[in-house]
Amino acid sequence: MANVREMVNTHLPVALKLINSAALVAIALSTLCAAGSLREMSGRSAAPAAVTEAD
């Protein structure tokens, strides 16, 4: 049976890679949400149906 230090040294790089990947996915999703919010605030989004029917 391997000691604790060897087990940690074996699994640590894999665990850190998974955490890194999850963090990158979270950053990408938050960037998409922020871009959508900025587009909506700037008025570049499509007009609501009520506005297009009235014009």
PDB file of N, CA and C in Angstrom:
ATOM      1  N   MET A   1       0.841  -1.187   0.000  1.00  0.00           N
ATOM      2  CA  MET A   1       0.000   0.000   0.000  1.00  0.00           C
ATOM      3  C   MET A   1       0.884   1.249   0.000  1.00  0.00           C
ATOM      4  N   ALA A   2       0.553   2.171  -0.879  1.00  0.00           N
ATOM      5  CA  ALA A   2       1.348   3.396  -0.993  1.00  0.00           C
ATOM      6  C   ALA A   2       1.025   4.319   0.182  1.00  0.00           C
ATOM      7  N   ASN A   3       2.016   5.095   0.547  1.00  0.00           N
ATOM      8  CA  ASN A   3       1.745   6.021   1.647  1.00  0.00           C
ATOM      9  C   ASN A   3       0.966   7.234   1.127  1.00  0.00           C
ATOM     10  N   VAL A   4       0.553   8.056   2.035  1.00  0.00           N
ATOM     11  CA  VAL A   4      -0.327   9.179   1.705  1.00  0.00           C
ATOM     12  C   VAL A   4       0.361  10.160   0.766  1.00  0.00           C
ATOM     13  N   ARG A   5       1.619  10.400   0.985  1.00  0.00           N
ATOM     14  CA  ARG A   5       2.333  11.367   0.151  1.00  0.00           C
ATOM     15  C   ARG A   5       2.370  10.922  -1.309  1.00  0.00           C
ATOM     16  N   GLU A   6       2.594   9.666  -1.555  1.00  0.00           N
ATOM     17  CA  GLU A   6       2.619   9.154  -2.929  1.00  0.00           C
ATOM     18  C   GLU A   6       1.233   9.238  -3.567  1.00  0.00           C
ATOM     19  N   MET A   7       0.210   8.947  -2.783  1.00  0.00           N
ATOM     20  CA  MET A   7      -1.153   9.049  -3.317  1.00  0.00           C
ATOM     21  C   MET A   7      -1.490  10.490  -3.684  1.00  0.00           C
ATOM     22  N   VAL A   8      -1.111  11.424  -2.837  1.00  0.00           N
ATOM     23  CA  VAL A   8      -1.368  12.844  -3.119  1.00  0.00           C
ATOM     24  C   VAL A   8      -0.583  13.282  -4.347  1.00  0.00           C
ATOM     25  N   ASN A   9       0.677  12.892  -4.426  1.00  0.00           N
ATOM     26  CA  ASN A   9       1.496  13.263  -5.578  1.00  0.00           C
ATOM     27  C   ASN A   9       0.963  12.674  -6.869  1.00  0.00           C
ATOM     28  N   THR A  10       0.325  11.536  -6.798  1.00  0.00           N
ATOM     29  CA  THR A  10      -0.234  10.903  -7.986  1.00  0.00           C
ATOM     30  C   THR A  10      -1.517  11.588  -8.442  1.00  0.00           C
ATOM     31  N   HIS A  11      -2.384  11.945  -7.501  1.00  0.00           N
ATOM     32  CA  HIS A  11      -3.703  12.463  -7.852  1.00  0.00           C
ATOM     33  C   HIS A  11      -3.782  13.991  -7.915  1.00  0.00           C
ATOM     34  N   LEU A  12      -2.853  14.676  -7.342  1.00  0.00           N
ATOM     35  CA  LEU A  12      -2.909  16.134  -7.302  1.00  0.00           C
ATOM     36  C   LEU A  12      -2.906  16.786  -8.686  1.00  0.00           C
ATOM     37  N   PRO A  13      -2.046  16.395  -9.610  1.00  0.00           N
ATOM     38  CA  PRO A  13      -2.080  17.040 -10.933  1.00  0.00           C
ATOM     39  C   PRO A  13      -3.426  16.862 -11.646  1.00  0.00           C
ATOM     40  N   VAL A  14      -4.028  15.690 -11.508  1.00  0.00           N
ATOM     41  CA  VAL A  14      -5.324  15.448 -12.139  1.00  0.00           C
ATOM     42  C   VAL A  14      -6.399  16.332 -11.506  1.00  0.00           C
ATOM     43  N   ALA A  15      -6.398  16.411 -10.190  1.00  0.00           N
ATOM     44  CA  ALA A  15      -7.382  17.236  -9.487  1.00  0.00           C
ATOM     45  C   ALA A  15      -7.227  18.711  -9.860  1.00  0.00           C
ATOM     46  N   LEU A  16      -5.993  19.179  -9.916  1.00  0.00           N
ATOM     47  CA  LEU A  16      -5.763  20.579 -10.276  1.00  0.00           C
ATOM     48  C   LEU A  16      -6.179  20.870 -11.717  1.00  0.00           C
ATOM     49  N   LYS A  17      -5.972  19.919 -12.610  1.00  0.00           N
ATOM     50  CA  LYS A  17      -6.383  20.090 -14.006  1.00  0.00           C
ATOM     51  C   LYS A  17      -7.903  20.190 -14.104  1.00  0.00           C
ATOM     52  N   LEU A  18      -8.615  19.364 -13.348  1.00  0.00           N
ATOM     53  CA  LEU A  18     -10.077  19.425 -13.343  1.00  0.00           C
ATOM     54  C   LEU A  18     -10.580  20.756 -12.788  1.00  0.00           C
ATOM     55  N   ILE A  19      -9.960  21.216 -11.717  1.00  0.00           N
ATOM     56  CA  ILE A  19     -10.358  22.507 -11.143  1.00  0.00           C
ATOM     57  C   ILE A  19     -10.079  23.632 -12.126  1.00  0.00           C
ATOM     58  N   ASN A  20      -8.940  23.574 -12.805  1.00  0.00           N
ATOM     59  CA  ASN A  20      -8.591  24.588 -13.792  1.00  0.00           C
ATOM     60  C   ASN A  20      -9.596  24.603 -14.944  1.00  0.00           C
ATOM     61  N   SER A  21      -9.964  23.434 -15.416  1.00  0.00           N
ATOM     62  CA  SER A  21     -10.930  23.353 -16.509  1.00  0.00           C
ATOM     63  C   SER A  21     -12.290  23.885 -16.080  1.00  0.00           C
ATOM     64  N   ALA A  22     -12.726  23.534 -14.879  1.00  0.00           N
ATOM     65  CA  ALA A  22     -14.013  24.026 -14.380  1.00  0.00           C
ATOM     66  C   ALA A  22     -13.999  25.546 -14.235  1.00  0.00           C
ATOM     67  N   ALA A  23     -12.887  26.088 -13.794  1.00  0.00           N
ATOM     68  CA  ALA A  23     -12.785  27.543 -13.653  1.00  0.00           C
ATOM     69  C   ALA A  23     -12.846  28.229 -15.013  1.00  0.00           C
ATOM     70  N   LEU A  24     -12.203  27.656 -16.020  1.00  0.00           N
ATOM     71  CA  LEU A  24     -12.247  28.244 -17.357  1.00  0.00           C
ATOM     72  C   LEU A  24     -13.655  28.198 -17.940  1.00  0.00           C
ATOM     73  N   VAL A  25     -14.377  27.121 -17.697  1.00  0.00           N
ATOM     74  CA  VAL A  25     -15.766  27.026 -18.162  1.00  0.00           C
ATOM     75  C   VAL A  25     -16.620  28.074 -17.465  1.00  0.00           C
ATOM     76  N   ALA A  26     -16.432  28.251 -16.172  1.00  0.00           N
ATOM     77  CA  ALA A  26     -17.196  29.256 -15.427  1.00  0.00           C
ATOM     78  C   ALA A  26     -16.899  30.668 -15.940  1.00  0.00           C
ATOM     79  N   ILE A  27     -15.654  30.955 -16.251  1.00  0.00           N
ATOM     80  CA  ILE A  27     -15.286  32.268 -16.787  1.00  0.00           C
ATOM     81  C   ILE A  27     -15.918  32.478 -18.154  1.00  0.00           C
ATOM     82  N   ALA A  28     -15.909  31.458 -19.000  1.00  0.00           N
ATOM     83  CA  ALA A  28     -16.507  31.574 -20.326  1.00  0.00           C
ATOM     84  C   ALA A  28     -18.010  31.814 -20.229  1.00  0.00           C
ATOM     85  N   LEU A  29     -18.689  31.096 -19.356  1.00  0.00           N
ATOM     86  CA  LEU A  29     -20.131  31.282 -19.205  1.00  0.00           C
ATOM     87  C   LEU A  29     -20.464  32.660 -18.646  1.00  0.00           C
ATOM     88  N   SER A  30     -19.679  33.139 -17.695  1.00  0.00           N
ATOM     89  CA  SER A  30     -19.945  34.464 -17.149  1.00  0.00           C
ATOM     90  C   SER A  30     -19.668  35.548 -18.185  1.00  0.00           C
ATOM     91  N   THR A  31     -18.702  35.318 -19.060  1.00  0.00           N
ATOM     92  CA  THR A  31     -18.428  36.278 -20.128  1.00  0.00           C
ATOM     93  C   THR A  31     -19.599  36.349 -21.100  1.00  0.00           C
ATOM     94  N   LEU A  32     -20.167  35.200 -21.436  1.00  0.00           N
ATOM     95  CA  LEU A  32     -21.332  35.188 -22.318  1.00  0.00           C
ATOM     96  C   LEU A  32     -22.513  35.900 -21.683  1.00  0.00           C
ATOM     97  N   CYS A  33     -22.744  35.669 -20.403  1.00  0.00           N
ATOM     98  CA  CYS A  33     -23.843  36.340 -19.706  1.00  0.00           C
ATOM     99  C   CYS A  33     -23.600  37.848 -19.640  1.00  0.00           C
ATOM    100  N   ALA A  34     -22.379  38.247 -19.373  1.00  0.00           N
ATOM    101  CA  ALA A  34     -22.061  39.674 -19.293  1.00  0.00           C
ATOM    102  C   ALA A  34     -22.225  40.337 -20.659  1.00  0.00           C
ATOM    103  N   ALA A  35     -21.831  39.658 -21.715  1.00  0.00           N
ATOM    104  CA  ALA A  35     -21.983  40.220 -23.057  1.00  0.00           C
ATOM    105  C   ALA A  35     -23.454  40.402 -23.391  1.00  0.00           C
ATOM    106  N   GLY A  36     -24.276  39.429 -23.025  1.00  0.00           N
ATOM    107  CA  GLY A  36     -25.710  39.557 -23.270  1.00  0.00           C
ATOM    108  C   GLY A  36     -26.319  40.711 -22.485  1.00  0.00           C
ATOM    109  N   SER A  37     -25.898  40.869 -21.247  1.00  0.00           N
ATOM    110  CA  SER A  37     -26.419  41.969 -20.432  1.00  0.00           C
ATOM    111  C   SER A  37     -25.987  43.321 -20.979  1.00  0.00           C
ATOM    112  N   LEU A  38     -24.732  43.424 -21.396  1.00  0.00           N
ATOM    113  CA  LEU A  38     -24.259  44.691 -21.959  1.00  0.00           C
ATOM    114  C   LEU A  38     -24.979  45.024 -23.258  1.00  0.00           C
ATOM    115  N   ARG A  39     -25.222  44.007 -24.070  1.00  0.00           N
ATOM    116  CA  ARG A  39     -25.939  44.220 -25.327  1.00  0.00           C
ATOM    117  C   ARG A  39     -27.360  44.698 -25.038  1.00  0.00           C
ATOM    118  N   GLU A  40     -27.982  44.114 -24.040  1.00  0.00           N
ATOM    119  CA  GLU A  40     -29.345  44.502 -23.675  1.00  0.00           C
ATOM    120  C   GLU A  40     -29.378  45.924 -23.125  1.00  0.00           C
ATOM    121  N   MET A  41     -28.399  46.287 -22.307  1.00  0.00           N
ATOM    122  CA  MET A  41     -28.367  47.634 -21.731  1.00  0.00           C
ATOM    123  C   MET A  41     -28.057  48.689 -22.784  1.00  0.00           C
ATOM    124  N   SER A  42     -27.284  48.332 -23.793  1.00  0.00           N
ATOM    125  CA  SER A  42     -26.929  49.314 -24.809  1.00  0.00           C
ATOM    126  C   SER A  42     -28.027  49.501 -25.838  1.00  0.00           C
ATOM    127  N   GLY A  43     -29.048  48.652 -25.808  1.00  0.00           N
ATOM    128  CA  GLY A  43     -30.167  48.807 -26.727  1.00  0.00           C
ATOM    129  C   GLY A  43     -29.945  48.143 -28.063  1.00  0.00           C
ATOM    130  N   ARG A  44     -28.946  47.296 -28.199  1.00  0.00           N
ATOM    131  CA  ARG A  44     -28.677  46.635 -29.475  1.00  0.00           C
ATOM    132  C   ARG A  44     -29.446  45.329 -29.633  1.00  0.00           C
ATOM    133  N   SER A  45     -30.191  44.944 -28.618  1.00  0.00           N
ATOM    134  CA  SER A  45     -30.950  43.698 -28.717  1.00  0.00           C
ATOM    135  C   SER A  45     -32.192  43.936 -29.572  1.00  0.00           C
ATOM    136  N   ALA A  46     -32.829  42.870 -29.968  1.00  0.00           N
ATOM    137  CA  ALA A  46     -34.031  42.984 -30.774  1.00  0.00           C
ATOM    138  C   ALA A  46     -35.129  43.674 -29.981  1.00  0.00           C
ATOM    139  N   ALA A  47     -35.926  44.447 -30.653  1.00  0.00           N
ATOM    140  CA  ALA A  47     -37.007  45.172 -30.009  1.00  0.00           C
ATOM    141  C   ALA A  47     -38.089  44.187 -29.563  1.00  0.00           C
ATOM    142  N   PRO A  48     -38.769  44.469 -28.469  1.00  0.00           N
ATOM    143  CA  PRO A  48     -39.851  43.587 -28.047  1.00  0.00           C
ATOM    144  C   PRO A  48     -40.979  43.555 -29.072  1.00  0.00           C
ATOM    145  N   ALA A  49     -41.771  42.512 -29.044  1.00  0.00           N
ATOM    146  CA  ALA A  49     -42.831  42.331 -30.035  1.00  0.00           C
ATOM    147  C   ALA A  49     -43.844  43.472 -29.982  1.00  0.00           C
ATOM    148  N   ALA A  50     -44.143  43.999 -28.804  1.00  0.00           N
ATOM    149  CA  ALA A  50     -45.109  45.091 -28.670  1.00  0.00           C
ATOM    150  C   ALA A  50     -44.629  46.344 -29.399  1.00  0.00           C
ATOM    151  N   VAL A  51     -43.345  46.600 -29.349  1.00  0.00           N
ATOM    152  CA  VAL A  51     -42.791  47.788 -29.996  1.00  0.00           C
ATOM    153  C   VAL A  51     -42.822  47.615 -31.520  1.00  0.00           C
ATOM    154  N   THR A  52     -42.469  46.451 -32.011  1.00  0.00           N
ATOM    155  CA  THR A  52     -42.436  46.252 -33.457  1.00  0.00           C
ATOM    156  C   THR A  52     -43.837  46.255 -34.053  1.00  0.00           C
ATOM    157  N   GLU A  53     -44.846  45.771 -33.317  1.00  0.00           N
ATOM    158  CA  GLU A  53     -46.207  45.770 -33.835  1.00  0.00           C
ATOM    159  C   GLU A  53     -46.787  47.181 -33.832  1.00  0.00           C
ATOM    160  N   ALA A  54     -46.403  48.010 -32.883  1.00  0.00           N
ATOM    161  CA  ALA A  54     -46.951  49.369 -32.806  1.00  0.00           C
ATOM    162  C   ALA A  54     -46.395  50.247 -33.918  1.00  0.00           C
ATOM    163  N   ASP A  55     -45.158  49.986 -34.319  1.00  0.00           N
ATOM    164  CA  ASP A  55     -44.546  50.824 -35.365  1.00  0.00           C
ATOM    165  C   ASP A  55     -45.019  50.301 -36.682  1.00  0.00           C
TER     166      ASP A  55
END
